[in-house]
Amino acid sequence: MNITHDQPSILAVRKFERGSVTIGDEVIVDNVMIFRDEIVRDVPFACVTAAKEQDLEELLARQPEIVIFGTGWSPQLAPRELVFAMARRGIGFETMDTPAACRTFNILLGEGRDAAAVLIISE
């Protein structure tokens, strides 16, 4: 009898460049939210400074351990209200440029962490 351990599908960021990211085998040119096993399109905002807690309802419903927010090609700070809302929910929240967010997301997935990423691709 063979015993195998099935690993869930993991959607790692394979490549990033201005205007696109490759997640798994798919090239994506629009802003997205990604989880270890799902890509969510139609992100309702184009930058972290405009993001509100209600914009992240779909993400928050999944209750990730940490959210990495890729802000595009230059770092930006999130609104205080959004940072505090995440802290109240016990969710780690970090903002960084999108290339750094892609690398960090992959590392967290490799560690088996329940991470989510919001990636601003188009600036």
PDB file of N, CA and C in Angstrom:
ATOM      1  N   MET A   1       0.851  -1.165   0.000  1.00  0.00           N
ATOM      2  CA  MET A   1       0.000   0.000   0.000  1.00  0.00           C
ATOM      3  C   MET A   1       0.902   1.235   0.000  1.00  0.00           C
ATOM      4  N   ASN A   2       0.629   2.129  -0.889  1.00  0.00           N
ATOM      5  CA  ASN A   2       1.358   3.390  -0.936  1.00  0.00           C
ATOM      6  C   ASN A   2       0.568   4.475  -0.228  1.00  0.00           C
ATOM      7  N   ILE A   3       1.247   5.221   0.602  1.00  0.00           N
ATOM      8  CA  ILE A   3       0.625   6.346   1.278  1.00  0.00           C
ATOM      9  C   ILE A   3       1.264   7.606   0.712  1.00  0.00           C
ATOM     10  N   THR A   4       0.422   8.479   0.235  1.00  0.00           N
ATOM     11  CA  THR A   4       0.942   9.730  -0.303  1.00  0.00           C
ATOM     12  C   THR A   4       0.302  10.892   0.434  1.00  0.00           C
ATOM     13  N   HIS A   5       1.019  11.950   0.469  1.00  0.00           N
ATOM     14  CA  HIS A   5       0.525  13.174   1.100  1.00  0.00           C
ATOM     15  C   HIS A   5       0.206  14.171  -0.005  1.00  0.00           C
ATOM     16  N   ASP A   6      -1.073  14.480  -0.180  1.00  0.00           N
ATOM     17  CA  ASP A   6      -1.466  15.442  -1.197  1.00  0.00           C
ATOM     18  C   ASP A   6      -1.300  16.842  -0.657  1.00  0.00           C
ATOM     19  N   GLN A   7      -0.516  17.645  -1.363  1.00  0.00           N
ATOM     20  CA  GLN A   7      -0.369  19.044  -0.984  1.00  0.00           C
ATOM     21  C   GLN A   7      -1.409  19.855  -1.732  1.00  0.00           C
ATOM     22  N   PRO A   8      -2.002  20.831  -1.047  1.00  0.00           N
ATOM     23  CA  PRO A   8      -2.946  21.689  -1.759  1.00  0.00           C
ATOM     24  C   PRO A   8      -2.226  22.490  -2.834  1.00  0.00           C
ATOM     25  N   SER A   9      -2.971  22.882  -3.837  1.00  0.00           N
ATOM     26  CA  SER A   9      -2.409  23.707  -4.901  1.00  0.00           C
ATOM     27  C   SER A   9      -1.889  25.012  -4.308  1.00  0.00           C
ATOM     28  N   ILE A  10      -0.714  25.405  -4.713  1.00  0.00           N
ATOM     29  CA  ILE A  10      -0.145  26.665  -4.241  1.00  0.00           C
ATOM     30  C   ILE A  10       0.116  27.548  -5.446  1.00  0.00           C
ATOM     31  N   LEU A  11      -0.417  28.753  -5.383  1.00  0.00           N
ATOM     32  CA  LEU A  11      -0.248  29.717  -6.463  1.00  0.00           C
ATOM     33  C   LEU A  11       0.878  30.680  -6.114  1.00  0.00           C
ATOM     34  N   ALA A  12       2.056  30.358  -6.510  1.00  0.00           N
ATOM     35  CA  ALA A  12       3.202  31.233  -6.251  1.00  0.00           C
ATOM     36  C   ALA A  12       3.371  32.209  -7.406  1.00  0.00           C
ATOM     37  N   VAL A  13       3.944  33.357  -7.095  1.00  0.00           N
ATOM     38  CA  VAL A  13       4.272  34.331  -8.132  1.00  0.00           C
ATOM     39  C   VAL A  13       5.565  33.869  -8.787  1.00  0.00           C
ATOM     40  N   ARG A  14       5.503  33.603 -10.076  1.00  0.00           N
ATOM     41  CA  ARG A  14       6.659  33.070 -10.803  1.00  0.00           C
ATOM     42  C   ARG A  14       7.524  34.173 -11.425  1.00  0.00           C
ATOM     43  N   LYS A  15       6.881  35.310 -11.780  1.00  0.00           N
ATOM     44  CA  LYS A  15       7.618  36.369 -12.463  1.00  0.00           C
ATOM     45  C   LYS A  15       6.851  37.672 -12.258  1.00  0.00           C
ATOM     46  N   PHE A  16       7.576  38.764 -12.163  1.00  0.00           N
ATOM     47  CA  PHE A  16       6.925  40.067 -12.111  1.00  0.00           C
ATOM     48  C   PHE A  16       7.754  41.055 -12.906  1.00  0.00           C
ATOM     49  N   GLU A  17       7.045  41.949 -13.560  1.00  0.00           N
ATOM     50  CA  GLU A  17       7.657  43.026 -14.304  1.00  0.00           C
ATOM     51  C   GLU A  17       6.627  44.138 -14.411  1.00  0.00           C
ATOM     52  N   ARG A  18       7.068  45.322 -14.792  1.00  0.00           N
ATOM     53  CA  ARG A  18       6.118  46.440 -14.908  1.00  0.00           C
ATOM     54  C   ARG A  18       4.955  46.033 -15.798  1.00  0.00           C
ATOM     55  N   GLY A  19       3.745  46.141 -15.252  1.00  0.00           N
ATOM     56  CA  GLY A  19       2.547  45.866 -16.038  1.00  0.00           C
ATOM     57  C   GLY A  19       2.034  44.455 -16.000  1.00  0.00           C
ATOM     58  N   SER A  20       2.761  43.512 -15.373  1.00  0.00           N
ATOM     59  CA  SER A  20       2.246  42.144 -15.312  1.00  0.00           C
ATOM     60  C   SER A  20       2.947  41.326 -14.232  1.00  0.00           C
ATOM     61  N   VAL A  21       2.240  40.306 -13.785  1.00  0.00           N
ATOM     62  CA  VAL A  21       2.833  39.280 -12.931  1.00  0.00           C
ATOM     63  C   VAL A  21       2.396  37.929 -13.490  1.00  0.00           C
ATOM     64  N   THR A  22       3.227  36.936 -13.276  1.00  0.00           N
ATOM     65  CA  THR A  22       2.868  35.580 -13.653  1.00  0.00           C
ATOM     66  C   THR A  22       2.644  34.808 -12.365  1.00  0.00           C
ATOM     67  N   ILE A  23       1.420  34.329 -12.202  1.00  0.00           N
ATOM     68  CA  ILE A  23       1.035  33.558 -11.019  1.00  0.00           C
ATOM     69  C   ILE A  23       0.687  32.161 -11.496  1.00  0.00           C
ATOM     70  N   GLY A  24       1.415  31.171 -10.994  1.00  0.00           N
ATOM     71  CA  GLY A  24       1.270  29.838 -11.558  1.00  0.00           C
ATOM     72  C   GLY A  24       1.711  29.912 -13.010  1.00  0.00           C
ATOM     73  N   ASP A  25       0.818  29.545 -13.933  1.00  0.00           N
ATOM     74  CA  ASP A  25       1.125  29.609 -15.359  1.00  0.00           C
ATOM     75  C   ASP A  25       0.398  30.752 -16.056  1.00  0.00           C
ATOM     76  N   GLU A  26      -0.245  31.612 -15.296  1.00  0.00           N
ATOM     77  CA  GLU A  26      -1.080  32.656 -15.878  1.00  0.00           C
ATOM     78  C   GLU A  26      -0.431  34.034 -15.766  1.00  0.00           C
ATOM     79  N   VAL A  27      -0.382  34.747 -16.884  1.00  0.00           N
ATOM     80  CA  VAL A  27       0.112  36.124 -16.900  1.00  0.00           C
ATOM     81  C   VAL A  27      -1.083  37.031 -16.613  1.00  0.00           C
ATOM     82  N   ILE A  28      -0.933  37.892 -15.613  1.00  0.00           N
ATOM     83  CA  ILE A  28      -2.020  38.770 -15.177  1.00  0.00           C
ATOM     84  C   ILE A  28      -1.566  40.216 -15.323  1.00  0.00           C
ATOM     85  N   VAL A  29      -2.438  41.046 -15.899  1.00  0.00           N
ATOM     86  CA  VAL A  29      -2.094  42.447 -16.136  1.00  0.00           C
ATOM     87  C   VAL A  29      -2.957  43.410 -15.315  1.00  0.00           C
ATOM     88  N   ASP A  30      -3.889  42.902 -14.541  1.00  0.00           N
ATOM     89  CA  ASP A  30      -4.746  43.734 -13.709  1.00  0.00           C
ATOM     90  C   ASP A  30      -4.452  43.481 -12.239  1.00  0.00           C
ATOM     91  N   ASN A  31      -4.817  44.434 -11.396  1.00  0.00           N
ATOM     92  CA  ASN A  31      -4.625  44.281  -9.953  1.00  0.00           C
ATOM     93  C   ASN A  31      -5.392  43.067  -9.450  1.00  0.00           C
ATOM     94  N   VAL A  32      -4.779  42.328  -8.529  1.00  0.00           N
ATOM     95  CA  VAL A  32      -5.386  41.083  -8.049  1.00  0.00           C
ATOM     96  C   VAL A  32      -5.159  40.894  -6.552  1.00  0.00           C
ATOM     97  N   MET A  33      -5.963  40.010  -5.987  1.00  0.00           N
ATOM     98  CA  MET A  33      -5.714  39.466  -4.653  1.00  0.00           C
ATOM     99  C   MET A  33      -5.406  37.995  -4.878  1.00  0.00           C
ATOM    100  N   ILE A  34      -4.384  37.507  -4.188  1.00  0.00           N
ATOM    101  CA  ILE A  34      -4.076  36.083  -4.331  1.00  0.00           C
ATOM    102  C   ILE A  34      -3.974  35.433  -2.960  1.00  0.00           C
ATOM    103  N   PHE A  35      -4.382  34.184  -2.956  1.00  0.00           N
ATOM    104  CA  PHE A  35      -4.297  33.318  -1.790  1.00  0.00           C
ATOM    105  C   PHE A  35      -3.492  32.110  -2.230  1.00  0.00           C
ATOM    106  N   ARG A  36      -3.240  31.203  -1.347  1.00  0.00           N
ATOM    107  CA  ARG A  36      -2.428  30.038  -1.718  1.00  0.00           C
ATOM    108  C   ARG A  36      -3.082  29.195  -2.805  1.00  0.00           C
ATOM    109  N   ASP A  37      -4.414  29.284  -2.959  1.00  0.00           N
ATOM    110  CA  ASP A  37      -5.107  28.419  -3.903  1.00  0.00           C
ATOM    111  C   ASP A  37      -6.122  29.141  -4.786  1.00  0.00           C
ATOM    112  N   GLU A  38      -6.095  30.467  -4.797  1.00  0.00           N
ATOM    113  CA  GLU A  38      -7.106  31.198  -5.558  1.00  0.00           C
ATOM    114  C   GLU A  38      -6.594  32.579  -5.972  1.00  0.00           C
ATOM    115  N   ILE A  39      -6.988  32.995  -7.165  1.00  0.00           N
ATOM    116  CA  ILE A  39      -6.724  34.338  -7.665  1.00  0.00           C
ATOM    117  C   ILE A  39      -8.055  35.063  -7.727  1.00  0.00           C
ATOM    118  N   VAL A  40      -8.131  36.253  -7.153  1.00  0.00           N
ATOM    119  CA  VAL A  40      -9.357  37.047  -7.171  1.00  0.00           C
ATOM    120  C   VAL A  40      -9.082  38.316  -7.966  1.00  0.00           C
ATOM    121  N   ARG A  41      -9.867  38.499  -9.006  1.00  0.00           N
ATOM    122  CA  ARG A  41      -9.708  39.672  -9.857  1.00  0.00           C
ATOM    123  C   ARG A  41     -10.696  40.766  -9.449  1.00  0.00           C
ATOM    124  N   ASP A  42     -10.738  41.820 -10.196  1.00  0.00           N
ATOM    125  CA  ASP A  42     -11.661  42.936  -9.948  1.00  0.00           C
ATOM    126  C   ASP A  42     -11.425  43.575  -8.591  1.00  0.00           C
ATOM    127  N   VAL A  43     -10.175  43.862  -8.289  1.00  0.00           N
ATOM    128  CA  VAL A  43      -9.831  44.568  -7.057  1.00  0.00           C
ATOM    129  C   VAL A  43     -10.457  45.959  -7.159  1.00  0.00           C
ATOM    130  N   PRO A  44     -11.219  46.394  -6.140  1.00  0.00           N
ATOM    131  CA  PRO A  44     -12.014  47.614  -6.269  1.00  0.00           C
ATOM    132  C   PRO A  44     -11.262  48.935  -6.047  1.00  0.00           C
ATOM    133  N   PHE A  45      -9.962  48.944  -6.094  1.00  0.00           N
ATOM    134  CA  PHE A  45      -9.195  50.173  -5.902  1.00  0.00           C
ATOM    135  C   PHE A  45      -7.882  50.035  -6.647  1.00  0.00           C
ATOM    136  N   ALA A  46      -7.232  51.172  -6.894  1.00  0.00           N
ATOM    137  CA  ALA A  46      -6.004  51.150  -7.689  1.00  0.00           C
ATOM    138  C   ALA A  46      -4.757  51.497  -6.892  1.00  0.00           C
ATOM    139  N   CYS A  47      -4.923  51.817  -5.598  1.00  0.00           N
ATOM    140  CA  CYS A  47      -3.756  52.101  -4.773  1.00  0.00           C
ATOM    141  C   CYS A  47      -4.113  51.887  -3.303  1.00  0.00           C
ATOM    142  N   VAL A  48      -3.115  51.673  -2.486  1.00  0.00           N
ATOM    143  CA  VAL A  48      -3.350  51.396  -1.071  1.00  0.00           C
ATOM    144  C   VAL A  48      -3.904  52.624  -0.357  1.00  0.00           C
ATOM    145  N   THR A  49      -3.541  53.810  -0.802  1.00  0.00           N
ATOM    146  CA  THR A  49      -4.003  55.013  -0.113  1.00  0.00           C
ATOM    147  C   THR A  49      -5.512  55.206  -0.236  1.00  0.00           C
ATOM    148  N   ALA A  50      -6.138  54.569  -1.234  1.00  0.00           N
ATOM    149  CA  ALA A  50      -7.587  54.651  -1.414  1.00  0.00           C
ATOM    150  C   ALA A  50      -8.321  53.449  -0.825  1.00  0.00           C
ATOM    151  N   ALA A  51      -7.592  52.477  -0.300  1.00  0.00           N
ATOM    152  CA  ALA A  51      -8.212  51.241   0.195  1.00  0.00           C
ATOM    153  C   ALA A  51      -8.917  51.469   1.526  1.00  0.00           C
ATOM    154  N   LYS A  52     -10.083  50.832   1.646  1.00  0.00           N
ATOM    155  CA  LYS A  52     -10.855  50.879   2.885  1.00  0.00           C
ATOM    156  C   LYS A  52     -11.157  49.453   3.318  1.00  0.00           C
ATOM    157  N   GLU A  53     -11.487  49.285   4.575  1.00  0.00           N
ATOM    158  CA  GLU A  53     -11.777  47.955   5.108  1.00  0.00           C
ATOM    159  C   GLU A  53     -12.844  47.250   4.271  1.00  0.00           C
ATOM    160  N   GLN A  54     -13.913  47.950   3.895  1.00  0.00           N
ATOM    161  CA  GLN A  54     -14.987  47.319   3.133  1.00  0.00           C
ATOM    162  C   GLN A  54     -14.525  46.875   1.747  1.00  0.00           C
ATOM    163  N   ASP A  55     -13.463  47.492   1.202  1.00  0.00           N
ATOM    164  CA  ASP A  55     -12.923  47.056  -0.082  1.00  0.00           C
ATOM    165  C   ASP A  55     -12.286  45.674   0.012  1.00  0.00           C
ATOM    166  N   LEU A  56     -11.898  45.292   1.213  1.00  0.00           N
ATOM    167  CA  LEU A  56     -11.195  44.020   1.416  1.00  0.00           C
ATOM    168  C   LEU A  56     -12.097  42.939   2.006  1.00  0.00           C
ATOM    169  N   GLU A  57     -13.421  43.095   1.885  1.00  0.00           N
ATOM    170  CA  GLU A  57     -14.348  42.138   2.482  1.00  0.00           C
ATOM    171  C   GLU A  57     -14.076  40.703   2.044  1.00  0.00           C
ATOM    172  N   GLU A  58     -13.867  40.509   0.743  1.00  0.00           N
ATOM    173  CA  GLU A  58     -13.618  39.156   0.234  1.00  0.00           C
ATOM    174  C   GLU A  58     -12.343  38.579   0.843  1.00  0.00           C
ATOM    175  N   LEU A  59     -11.322  39.401   0.952  1.00  0.00           N
ATOM    176  CA  LEU A  59     -10.068  38.971   1.561  1.00  0.00           C
ATOM    177  C   LEU A  59     -10.265  38.679   3.051  1.00  0.00           C
ATOM    178  N   LEU A  60     -10.931  39.575   3.761  1.00  0.00           N
ATOM    179  CA  LEU A  60     -11.135  39.415   5.203  1.00  0.00           C
ATOM    180  C   LEU A  60     -12.008  38.212   5.540  1.00  0.00           C
ATOM    181  N   ALA A  61     -12.919  37.854   4.649  1.00  0.00           N
ATOM    182  CA  ALA A  61     -13.768  36.681   4.875  1.00  0.00           C
ATOM    183  C   ALA A  61     -12.929  35.406   4.948  1.00  0.00           C
ATOM    184  N   ARG A  62     -11.783  35.401   4.281  1.00  0.00           N
ATOM    185  CA  ARG A  62     -10.887  34.232   4.299  1.00  0.00           C
ATOM    186  C   ARG A  62     -10.035  34.182   5.558  1.00  0.00           C
ATOM    187  N   GLN A  63     -10.015  35.253   6.342  1.00  0.00           N
ATOM    188  CA  GLN A  63      -9.274  35.355   7.595  1.00  0.00           C
ATOM    189  C   GLN A  63      -7.816  34.895   7.478  1.00  0.00           C
ATOM    190  N   PRO A  64      -7.058  35.524   6.576  1.00  0.00           N
ATOM    191  CA  PRO A  64      -5.649  35.143   6.479  1.00  0.00           C
ATOM    192  C   PRO A  64      -4.891  35.573   7.726  1.00  0.00           C
ATOM    193  N   GLU A  65      -3.785  34.930   7.938  1.00  0.00           N
ATOM    194  CA  GLU A  65      -2.906  35.260   9.061  1.00  0.00           C
ATOM    195  C   GLU A  65      -2.199  36.597   8.827  1.00  0.00           C
ATOM    196  N   ILE A  66      -1.848  36.843   7.561  1.00  0.00           N
ATOM    197  CA  ILE A  66      -1.129  38.061   7.199  1.00  0.00           C
ATOM    198  C   ILE A  66      -1.515  38.471   5.785  1.00  0.00           C
ATOM    199  N   VAL A  67      -1.573  39.778   5.562  1.00  0.00           N
ATOM    200  CA  VAL A  67      -1.844  40.335   4.237  1.00  0.00           C
ATOM    201  C   VAL A  67      -0.640  41.168   3.819  1.00  0.00           C
ATOM    202  N   ILE A  68      -0.141  40.879   2.640  1.00  0.00           N
ATOM    203  CA  ILE A  68       0.950  41.638   2.049  1.00  0.00           C
ATOM    204  C   ILE A  68       0.337  42.482   0.946  1.00  0.00           C
ATOM    205  N   PHE A  69       0.512  43.791   1.012  1.00  0.00           N
ATOM    206  CA  PHE A  69      -0.084  44.691   0.037  1.00  0.00           C
ATOM    207  C   PHE A  69       1.017  45.266  -0.829  1.00  0.00           C
ATOM    208  N   GLY A  70       1.040  44.850  -2.091  1.00  0.00           N
ATOM    209  CA  GLY A  70       2.007  45.374  -3.056  1.00  0.00           C
ATOM    210  C   GLY A  70       1.479  46.656  -3.656  1.00  0.00           C
ATOM    211  N   THR A  71       2.174  47.753  -3.439  1.00  0.00           N
ATOM    212  CA  THR A  71       1.680  49.092  -3.764  1.00  0.00           C
ATOM    213  C   THR A  71       2.031  49.583  -5.164  1.00  0.00           C
ATOM    214  N   GLY A  72       2.530  48.724  -6.018  1.00  0.00           N
ATOM    215  CA  GLY A  72       3.004  49.152  -7.335  1.00  0.00           C
ATOM    216  C   GLY A  72       4.521  49.221  -7.307  1.00  0.00           C
ATOM    217  N   TRP A  73       5.098  50.106  -8.078  1.00  0.00           N
ATOM    218  CA  TRP A  73       6.553  50.157  -8.181  1.00  0.00           C
ATOM    219  C   TRP A  73       7.202  51.140  -7.234  1.00  0.00           C
ATOM    220  N   SER A  74       6.387  51.782  -6.407  1.00  0.00           N
ATOM    221  CA  SER A  74       6.950  52.641  -5.363  1.00  0.00           C
ATOM    222  C   SER A  74       6.184  52.385  -4.066  1.00  0.00           C
ATOM    223  N   PRO A  75       6.887  52.402  -2.939  1.00  0.00           N
ATOM    224  CA  PRO A  75       6.220  52.128  -1.670  1.00  0.00           C
ATOM    225  C   PRO A  75       5.251  53.252  -1.286  1.00  0.00           C
ATOM    226  N   GLN A  76       4.152  52.875  -0.664  1.00  0.00           N
ATOM    227  CA  GLN A  76       3.156  53.819  -0.173  1.00  0.00           C
ATOM    228  C   GLN A  76       2.672  53.326   1.178  1.00  0.00           C
ATOM    229  N   LEU A  77       2.162  54.231   1.976  1.00  0.00           N
ATOM    230  CA  LEU A  77       1.615  53.858   3.269  1.00  0.00           C
ATOM    231  C   LEU A  77       0.103  53.687   3.171  1.00  0.00           C
ATOM    232  N   ALA A  78      -0.409  52.733   3.921  1.00  0.00           N
ATOM    233  CA  ALA A  78      -1.849  52.507   3.991  1.00  0.00           C
ATOM    234  C   ALA A  78      -2.485  53.520   4.934  1.00  0.00           C
ATOM    235  N   PRO A  79      -3.757  53.827   4.738  1.00  0.00           N
ATOM    236  CA  PRO A  79      -4.445  54.705   5.679  1.00  0.00           C
ATOM    237  C   PRO A  79      -4.447  54.103   7.089  1.00  0.00           C
ATOM    238  N   ARG A  80      -4.308  54.962   8.086  1.00  0.00           N
ATOM    239  CA  ARG A  80      -4.290  54.492   9.484  1.00  0.00           C
ATOM    240  C   ARG A  80      -5.500  53.640   9.817  1.00  0.00           C
ATOM    241  N   GLU A  81      -6.670  54.052   9.323  1.00  0.00           N
ATOM    242  CA  GLU A  81      -7.904  53.326   9.630  1.00  0.00           C
ATOM    243  C   GLU A  81      -7.829  51.877   9.145  1.00  0.00           C
ATOM    244  N   LEU A  82      -7.225  51.670   7.984  1.00  0.00           N
ATOM    245  CA  LEU A  82      -7.103  50.318   7.439  1.00  0.00           C
ATOM    246  C   LEU A  82      -6.124  49.494   8.273  1.00  0.00           C
ATOM    247  N   VAL A  83      -5.022  50.081   8.656  1.00  0.00           N
ATOM    248  CA  VAL A  83      -4.033  49.384   9.486  1.00  0.00           C
ATOM    249  C   VAL A  83      -4.675  48.986  10.825  1.00  0.00           C
ATOM    250  N   PHE A  84      -5.397  49.906  11.442  1.00  0.00           N
ATOM    251  CA  PHE A  84      -6.049  49.615  12.721  1.00  0.00           C
ATOM    252  C   PHE A  84      -7.143  48.553  12.567  1.00  0.00           C
ATOM    253  N   ALA A  85      -7.881  48.599  11.465  1.00  0.00           N
ATOM    254  CA  ALA A  85      -8.934  47.597  11.231  1.00  0.00           C
ATOM    255  C   ALA A  85      -8.330  46.201  11.142  1.00  0.00           C
ATOM    256  N   MET A  86      -7.212  46.080  10.463  1.00  0.00           N
ATOM    257  CA  MET A  86      -6.544  44.777  10.358  1.00  0.00           C
ATOM    258  C   MET A  86      -6.049  44.320  11.725  1.00  0.00           C
ATOM    259  N   ALA A  87      -5.469  45.236  12.488  1.00  0.00           N
ATOM    260  CA  ALA A  87      -4.967  44.890  13.821  1.00  0.00           C
ATOM    261  C   ALA A  87      -6.105  44.425  14.723  1.00  0.00           C
ATOM    262  N   ARG A  88      -7.261  45.091  14.648  1.00  0.00           N
ATOM    263  CA  ARG A  88      -8.413  44.674  15.471  1.00  0.00           C
ATOM    264  C   ARG A  88      -8.851  43.256  15.141  1.00  0.00           C
ATOM    265  N   ARG A  89      -8.661  42.841  13.902  1.00  0.00           N
ATOM    266  CA  ARG A  89      -9.040  41.492  13.469  1.00  0.00           C
ATOM    267  C   ARG A  89      -7.932  40.468  13.736  1.00  0.00           C
ATOM    268  N   GLY A  90      -6.789  40.935  14.197  1.00  0.00           N
ATOM    269  CA  GLY A  90      -5.675  40.032  14.458  1.00  0.00           C
ATOM    270  C   GLY A  90      -4.958  39.584  13.204  1.00  0.00           C
ATOM    271  N   ILE A  91      -5.043  40.380  12.149  1.00  0.00           N
ATOM    272  CA  ILE A  91      -4.416  40.049  10.871  1.00  0.00           C
ATOM    273  C   ILE A  91      -3.192  40.941  10.686  1.00  0.00           C
ATOM    274  N   GLY A  92      -2.041  40.331  10.447  1.00  0.00           N
ATOM    275  CA  GLY A  92      -0.848  41.096  10.139  1.00  0.00           C
ATOM    276  C   GLY A  92      -1.031  41.804   8.812  1.00  0.00           C
ATOM    277  N   PHE A  93      -0.485  43.010   8.689  1.00  0.00           N
ATOM    278  CA  PHE A  93      -0.684  43.801   7.480  1.00  0.00           C
ATOM    279  C   PHE A  93       0.590  44.572   7.177  1.00  0.00           C
ATOM    280  N   GLU A  94       1.140  44.335   5.991  1.00  0.00           N
ATOM    281  CA  GLU A  94       2.375  45.001   5.581  1.00  0.00           C
ATOM    282  C   GLU A  94       2.197  45.567   4.179  1.00  0.00           C
ATOM    283  N   THR A  95       2.710  46.772   3.959  1.00  0.00           N
ATOM    284  CA  THR A  95       2.735  47.333   2.618  1.00  0.00           C
ATOM    285  C   THR A  95       4.182  47.427   2.153  1.00  0.00           C
ATOM    286  N   MET A  96       4.369  47.221   0.865  1.00  0.00           N
ATOM    287  CA  MET A  96       5.694  47.304   0.246  1.00  0.00           C
ATOM    288  C   MET A  96       5.482  47.388  -1.258  1.00  0.00           C
ATOM    289  N   ASP A  97       6.531  47.697  -2.003  1.00  0.00           N
ATOM    290  CA  ASP A  97       6.351  47.737  -3.449  1.00  0.00           C
ATOM    291  C   ASP A  97       5.993  46.333  -3.950  1.00  0.00           C
ATOM    292  N   THR A  98       5.377  46.281  -5.119  1.00  0.00           N
ATOM    293  CA  THR A  98       4.858  45.000  -5.621  1.00  0.00           C
ATOM    294  C   THR A  98       5.936  43.935  -5.814  1.00  0.00           C
ATOM    295  N   PRO A  99       7.121  44.242  -6.357  1.00  0.00           N
ATOM    296  CA  PRO A  99       8.140  43.186  -6.454  1.00  0.00           C
ATOM    297  C   PRO A  99       8.488  42.587  -5.082  1.00  0.00           C
ATOM    298  N   ALA A 100       8.650  43.434  -4.067  1.00  0.00           N
ATOM    299  CA  ALA A 100       8.952  42.926  -2.721  1.00  0.00           C
ATOM    300  C   ALA A 100       7.771  42.127  -2.173  1.00  0.00           C
ATOM    301  N   ALA A 101       6.552  42.572  -2.470  1.00  0.00           N
ATOM    302  CA  ALA A 101       5.366  41.844  -2.007  1.00  0.00           C
ATOM    303  C   ALA A 101       5.300  40.455  -2.639  1.00  0.00           C
ATOM    304  N   CYS A 102       5.651  40.350  -3.906  1.00  0.00           N
ATOM    305  CA  CYS A 102       5.659  39.045  -4.581  1.00  0.00           C
ATOM    306  C   CYS A 102       6.660  38.101  -3.916  1.00  0.00           C
ATOM    307  N   ARG A 103       7.855  38.603  -3.664  1.00  0.00           N
ATOM    308  CA  ARG A 103       8.886  37.773  -3.020  1.00  0.00           C
ATOM    309  C   ARG A 103       8.454  37.363  -1.612  1.00  0.00           C
ATOM    310  N   THR A 104       7.922  38.311  -0.857  1.00  0.00           N
ATOM    311  CA  THR A 104       7.505  38.032   0.525  1.00  0.00           C
ATOM    312  C   THR A 104       6.364  37.029   0.555  1.00  0.00           C
ATOM    313  N   PHE A 105       5.393  37.187  -0.336  1.00  0.00           N
ATOM    314  CA  PHE A 105       4.268  36.256  -0.415  1.00  0.00           C
ATOM    315  C   PHE A 105       4.773  34.838  -0.678  1.00  0.00           C
ATOM    316  N   ASN A 106       5.691  34.687  -1.619  1.00  0.00           N
ATOM    317  CA  ASN A 106       6.239  33.367  -1.926  1.00  0.00           C
ATOM    318  C   ASN A 106       6.957  32.762  -0.722  1.00  0.00           C
ATOM    319  N   ILE A 107       7.710  33.568  -0.001  1.00  0.00           N
ATOM    320  CA  ILE A 107       8.416  33.074   1.184  1.00  0.00           C
ATOM    321  C   ILE A 107       7.409  32.601   2.232  1.00  0.00           C
ATOM    322  N   LEU A 108       6.373  33.398   2.466  1.00  0.00           N
ATOM    323  CA  LEU A 108       5.357  33.023   3.456  1.00  0.00           C
ATOM    324  C   LEU A 108       4.657  31.730   3.064  1.00  0.00           C
ATOM    325  N   LEU A 109       4.337  31.575   1.787  1.00  0.00           N
ATOM    326  CA  LEU A 109       3.724  30.322   1.332  1.00  0.00           C
ATOM    327  C   LEU A 109       4.670  29.148   1.544  1.00  0.00           C
ATOM    328  N   GLY A 110       5.951  29.361   1.243  1.00  0.00           N
ATOM    329  CA  GLY A 110       6.948  28.306   1.441  1.00  0.00           C
ATOM    330  C   GLY A 110       7.070  27.881   2.892  1.00  0.00           C
ATOM    331  N   GLU A 111       6.785  28.802   3.801  1.00  0.00           N
ATOM    332  CA  GLU A 111       6.809  28.504   5.239  1.00  0.00           C
ATOM    333  C   GLU A 111       5.503  27.873   5.717  1.00  0.00           C
ATOM    334  N   GLY A 112       4.542  27.719   4.797  1.00  0.00           N
ATOM    335  CA  GLY A 112       3.268  27.128   5.172  1.00  0.00           C
ATOM    336  C   GLY A 112       2.319  28.100   5.857  1.00  0.00           C
ATOM    337  N   ARG A 113       2.584  29.399   5.743  1.00  0.00           N
ATOM    338  CA  ARG A 113       1.745  30.405   6.388  1.00  0.00           C
ATOM    339  C   ARG A 113       0.481  30.655   5.569  1.00  0.00           C
ATOM    340  N   ASP A 114      -0.572  31.055   6.234  1.00  0.00           N
ATOM    341  CA  ASP A 114      -1.829  31.396   5.586  1.00  0.00           C
ATOM    342  C   ASP A 114      -1.777  32.871   5.211  1.00  0.00           C
ATOM    343  N   ALA A 115      -1.179  33.150   4.068  1.00  0.00           N
ATOM    344  CA  ALA A 115      -0.959  34.530   3.628  1.00  0.00           C
ATOM    345  C   ALA A 115      -1.874  34.871   2.471  1.00  0.00           C
ATOM    346  N   ALA A 116      -2.130  36.153   2.331  1.00  0.00           N
ATOM    347  CA  ALA A 116      -2.836  36.692   1.178  1.00  0.00           C
ATOM    348  C   ALA A 116      -2.041  37.890   0.693  1.00  0.00           C
ATOM    349  N   ALA A 117      -2.184  38.180  -0.595  1.00  0.00           N
ATOM    350  CA  ALA A 117      -1.496  39.346  -1.151  1.00  0.00           C
ATOM    351  C   ALA A 117      -2.461  40.130  -2.024  1.00  0.00           C
ATOM    352  N   VAL A 118      -2.354  41.429  -1.926  1.00  0.00           N
ATOM    353  CA  VAL A 118      -3.021  42.338  -2.855  1.00  0.00           C
ATOM    354  C   VAL A 118      -1.893  42.925  -3.682  1.00  0.00           C
ATOM    355  N   LEU A 119      -1.982  42.756  -4.989  1.00  0.00           N
ATOM    356  CA  LEU A 119      -0.912  43.231  -5.861  1.00  0.00           C
ATOM    357  C   LEU A 119      -1.430  44.293  -6.808  1.00  0.00           C
ATOM    358  N   ILE A 120      -0.934  45.509  -6.663  1.00  0.00           N
ATOM    359  CA  ILE A 120      -1.232  46.583  -7.608  1.00  0.00           C
ATOM    360  C   ILE A 120      -0.226  46.427  -8.744  1.00  0.00           C
ATOM    361  N   ILE A 121      -0.734  46.111  -9.911  1.00  0.00           N
ATOM    362  CA  ILE A 121       0.131  45.821 -11.051  1.00  0.00           C
ATOM    363  C   ILE A 121       0.158  47.007 -12.001  1.00  0.00           C
ATOM    364  N   SER A 122      -1.007  47.583 -12.253  1.00  0.00           N
ATOM    365  CA  SER A 122      -1.074  48.719 -13.170  1.00  0.00           C
ATOM    366  C   SER A 122      -0.992  50.018 -12.376  1.00  0.00           C
ATOM    367  N   GLU A 123      -0.107  50.874 -12.771  1.00  0.00           N
ATOM    368  CA  GLU A 123       0.042  52.169 -12.081  1.00  0.00           C
ATOM    369  C   GLU A 123      -0.345  53.282 -13.012  1.00  0.00           C
TER     370      GLU A 123
END
